[in-house]
Protein backbone atom coordinates (compact mmCIF):
# COMPACT_ATOMS: atom_id res chain seq x y z
CA MET A 1 21.79 -62.20 42.58
CA ALA A 2 22.25 -65.66 43.92
CA LEU A 3 25.07 -68.41 43.50
CA LYS A 4 24.05 -71.97 43.22
CA THR A 5 26.59 -74.49 43.39
CA SER A 6 26.07 -78.40 42.60
CA CYS A 7 28.41 -81.37 42.73
CA SER A 8 28.38 -84.94 41.54
CA ASP A 9 29.94 -88.15 42.94
CA VAL A 10 32.92 -89.45 40.93
CA PRO A 11 33.82 -92.86 41.89
CA ASN A 12 37.27 -93.06 43.44
CA ALA A 13 37.73 -89.22 43.18
CA PRO A 14 39.23 -87.76 46.22
CA LEU A 15 37.15 -85.34 48.14
CA VAL A 16 37.99 -81.59 47.56
CA VAL A 17 35.88 -79.02 49.09
CA ALA A 18 36.75 -75.34 47.89
CA PRO A 19 34.92 -72.12 46.87
CA PRO A 20 34.39 -71.84 43.11
CA LYS A 21 37.26 -69.78 41.43
CA LEU A 22 34.48 -67.32 40.17
CA LEU A 23 33.52 -66.44 43.82
CA GLY A 24 37.36 -65.36 44.38
CA ALA A 25 37.32 -63.44 41.42
CA TRP A 26 34.15 -61.70 42.57
CA VAL A 27 35.83 -60.68 45.81
CA GLU A 28 38.86 -59.28 43.99
CA ARG A 29 37.01 -57.35 41.58
CA LEU A 30 33.79 -56.01 43.21
CA GLU A 31 33.33 -54.04 46.28
CA LEU A 32 31.06 -56.79 47.99
CA GLN A 33 29.79 -55.89 51.60
CA ASP A 34 28.63 -58.12 54.41
CA GLY A 35 26.59 -56.03 56.74
CA ASP A 36 28.74 -53.00 57.28
CA LEU A 37 32.03 -54.80 56.63
CA ALA A 38 33.91 -55.24 53.34
CA VAL A 39 34.22 -58.88 52.14
CA LEU A 40 37.97 -59.57 51.63
CA GLY A 41 40.13 -62.36 50.78
CA GLU A 42 42.68 -61.35 53.53
CA ALA A 43 42.72 -61.89 57.33
CA ARG A 44 41.75 -58.85 59.43
CA ASP A 45 43.83 -58.08 62.54
CA VAL A 46 42.29 -57.03 65.77
CA HIS A 47 45.12 -55.32 67.86
CA ASP A 48 43.30 -52.53 69.82
CA ALA A 49 39.95 -51.78 71.64
CA SER A 50 38.19 -49.95 68.74
CA GLN A 51 39.23 -52.85 66.31
CA LEU A 52 37.69 -55.17 69.02
CA ASP A 53 34.59 -53.05 69.22
CA ALA A 54 34.01 -53.29 65.56
CA PHE A 55 35.02 -56.90 65.45
CA CYS A 56 32.37 -57.86 68.30
CA LYS A 57 29.66 -55.48 66.59
CA HIS A 58 29.96 -57.49 63.33
CA VAL A 59 29.82 -60.67 64.99
CA VAL A 60 26.53 -59.92 66.44
CA SER A 61 25.32 -57.91 63.57
CA LYS A 62 21.80 -59.16 62.17
CA GLU A 63 23.01 -57.80 58.72
CA ARG A 64 25.77 -60.09 58.65
CA GLN A 65 25.38 -63.05 56.22
CA LEU A 66 28.97 -64.72 56.30
CA PRO A 67 30.33 -66.73 59.13
CA VAL A 68 33.48 -65.15 61.02
CA ILE A 69 36.40 -67.41 61.65
CA ALA A 70 38.22 -66.05 64.66
CA LEU A 71 41.94 -67.10 65.69
CA THR A 72 44.27 -66.21 68.45
CA THR A 73 47.47 -67.09 69.57
CA SER A 74 49.05 -67.61 73.01
CA PRO A 75 50.71 -64.69 74.66
CA ARG A 76 54.26 -65.69 73.68
CA SER A 77 53.59 -67.16 70.28
CA ARG A 78 52.47 -66.23 66.77
CA PHE A 79 51.13 -69.63 66.08
CA TYR A 80 47.35 -69.53 65.14
CA GLY A 81 46.92 -73.27 64.51
CA VAL A 82 46.56 -72.36 60.75
CA ASP A 83 47.94 -69.87 58.58
CA PRO A 84 45.59 -67.06 58.58
CA ARG A 85 46.71 -65.74 55.12
CA GLY A 86 46.13 -69.14 53.47
CA LEU A 87 42.81 -69.43 55.27
CA ALA A 88 41.53 -66.11 54.52
CA GLU A 89 42.50 -66.93 50.63
CA ALA A 90 40.83 -70.17 50.97
CA VAL A 91 37.43 -68.91 52.29
CA ARG A 92 37.32 -65.52 50.38
CA GLY A 93 33.83 -64.75 49.72
CA LEU A 94 32.44 -67.36 51.99
CA ALA A 95 33.77 -66.25 55.36
CA HIS A 96 35.92 -63.47 57.15
CA VAL A 97 39.09 -64.45 59.09
CA ALA A 98 40.12 -62.33 61.98
CA CYS A 99 43.05 -62.66 64.03
CA LEU A 100 42.85 -61.36 67.74
CA VAL A 101 45.79 -60.70 69.99
CA PRO A 102 45.54 -62.84 73.29
CA ASP A 103 44.62 -59.95 75.32
CA LEU A 104 41.73 -59.17 73.30
CA ALA A 105 40.67 -62.70 72.84
CA ASN A 106 40.01 -62.64 76.73
CA GLU A 107 38.02 -59.89 76.33
CA VAL A 108 35.85 -61.68 73.66
CA VAL A 109 34.95 -64.11 76.59
CA ARG A 110 33.79 -61.31 78.80
CA ARG A 111 31.66 -59.89 76.10
CA PHE A 112 30.11 -63.15 74.66
CA GLY A 113 30.44 -65.66 77.52
CA LYS A 114 32.94 -68.36 78.25
CA ASP A 115 31.22 -70.89 75.89
CA PHE A 116 31.97 -68.71 73.02
CA GLY A 117 35.60 -67.54 73.82
CA LEU A 118 38.67 -68.18 71.68
CA VAL A 119 41.47 -70.67 72.53
CA HIS A 120 45.02 -70.44 70.84
CA GLY A 121 45.54 -72.73 67.90
CA ALA A 122 42.11 -73.00 67.43
CA ALA A 123 39.30 -71.61 65.31
CA ARG A 124 36.12 -70.28 66.61
CA ILE A 125 33.45 -70.06 63.92
CA TYR A 126 30.72 -67.33 64.54
CA ALA A 127 27.99 -68.39 62.09
CA ALA A 128 25.29 -65.73 60.85
CA GLY A 129 22.84 -65.00 63.56
CA PHE A 130 25.18 -65.26 66.36
CA ASN A 131 24.33 -63.70 69.71
CA PRO A 132 25.62 -64.63 73.30
CA ASP A 133 22.38 -66.63 74.02
CA ALA A 134 22.78 -68.95 71.01
CA PHE A 135 23.52 -72.55 70.91
CA VAL A 136 27.36 -73.38 71.27
CA GLN A 137 26.98 -76.13 68.67
CA ASP A 138 25.89 -73.66 66.08
CA HIS A 139 29.25 -71.64 66.59
CA PRO A 140 31.90 -74.35 67.03
CA LEU A 141 35.30 -74.19 68.50
CA ILE A 142 37.50 -76.34 66.14
CA ARG A 143 40.79 -77.66 67.18
CA ASP A 144 43.39 -79.17 64.97
CA THR A 145 43.61 -82.98 65.91
CA SER A 146 46.61 -84.88 65.90
CA VAL A 147 45.16 -86.82 62.77
CA ARG A 148 45.00 -83.38 60.70
CA ALA A 149 48.27 -82.15 62.31
CA LYS A 150 50.50 -84.73 60.19
CA ASP A 151 49.59 -82.66 57.03
CA PRO A 152 50.35 -78.77 57.25
CA GLY A 153 47.40 -77.97 54.96
CA ALA A 154 44.76 -80.21 56.51
CA PHE A 155 43.33 -78.14 58.99
CA ARG A 156 42.92 -75.13 56.76
CA ARG A 157 41.14 -77.73 54.21
CA PHE A 158 39.09 -78.83 57.04
CA LEU A 159 37.96 -75.20 58.25
CA CYS A 160 37.21 -74.52 54.60
CA GLU A 161 34.90 -77.93 54.61
CA LYS A 162 33.10 -76.31 57.52
CA VAL A 163 32.63 -73.06 55.97
CA CYS A 164 31.37 -74.55 52.75
CA ALA A 165 28.97 -76.82 54.70
CA LEU A 166 27.68 -73.58 56.48
CA SER A 167 27.23 -71.82 52.89
CA VAL A 168 24.81 -74.49 51.66
CA SER A 169 22.55 -74.43 54.60
CA PRO A 170 18.75 -74.15 53.57
CA ARG A 171 18.92 -70.65 54.61
CA THR A 172 18.58 -68.64 51.28
CA GLU A 173 18.54 -64.91 52.35
CA PHE A 174 21.57 -63.19 50.79
CA ASP A 175 20.08 -59.38 50.91
CA GLY A 176 22.93 -58.39 53.28
CA LEU A 177 25.78 -59.25 50.63
CA LEU A 178 25.68 -56.73 47.95
CA ALA A 179 27.99 -54.91 45.99
CA LYS A 180 28.34 -51.08 46.75
CA GLY A 181 25.85 -49.16 44.83
CA THR A 182 23.41 -51.88 44.03
C-alpha cells in the first residue's frame, strides 16, 4: 500500500500544509504499526527508565519509518513550546510525538550525544534512519522564533510543515508501516 499526495499552486491562496484527513481516519480506524510501535494520534509520555529505554530503542530502530518529534520542559515548568496534544493530532500518521520529563531528557544526551539532545521549549525531530553518528542537520532541533511566537498555533504549523516535508523525501520504502495482520 502506498499513499501519493500532490498539490497545485493557486494564485493568492495562503499556504496550508497539513496531512490529509484520510490519513487521520486510517490512524483512528486501523491498527497501524511503525516498527514495533503503534501509530497514534496522541503524544506519548516518557516518565521512567523503562519508557526511556523503549523511546531510545524506537528512535534508533532500523524498522522505524516515521519521524519522532521529541519535546521536553524545564524542571519547574509544564511548557513544551508547543501543545503536545495538538501537535500529535496535527501530525498523526506522519510522525510520533514524545514528551520527556527533564531528567530523562538529560539522559538522551548521554545516550545519543550532545548534538542530539533535547532543549526545553524546542522540538527535536529524529528522522527515520537516526543513529548517534548521523549528521545533526538530518535530525534538527527546532526552536520557536519570535516571529512565530506572536501566533500561538504558528510553531505547531511550522513543525507540521517540517514533518510533511520529510514525508515527501525521495525515499519510497514503506514496508515498516503496516496494519497488524497484513
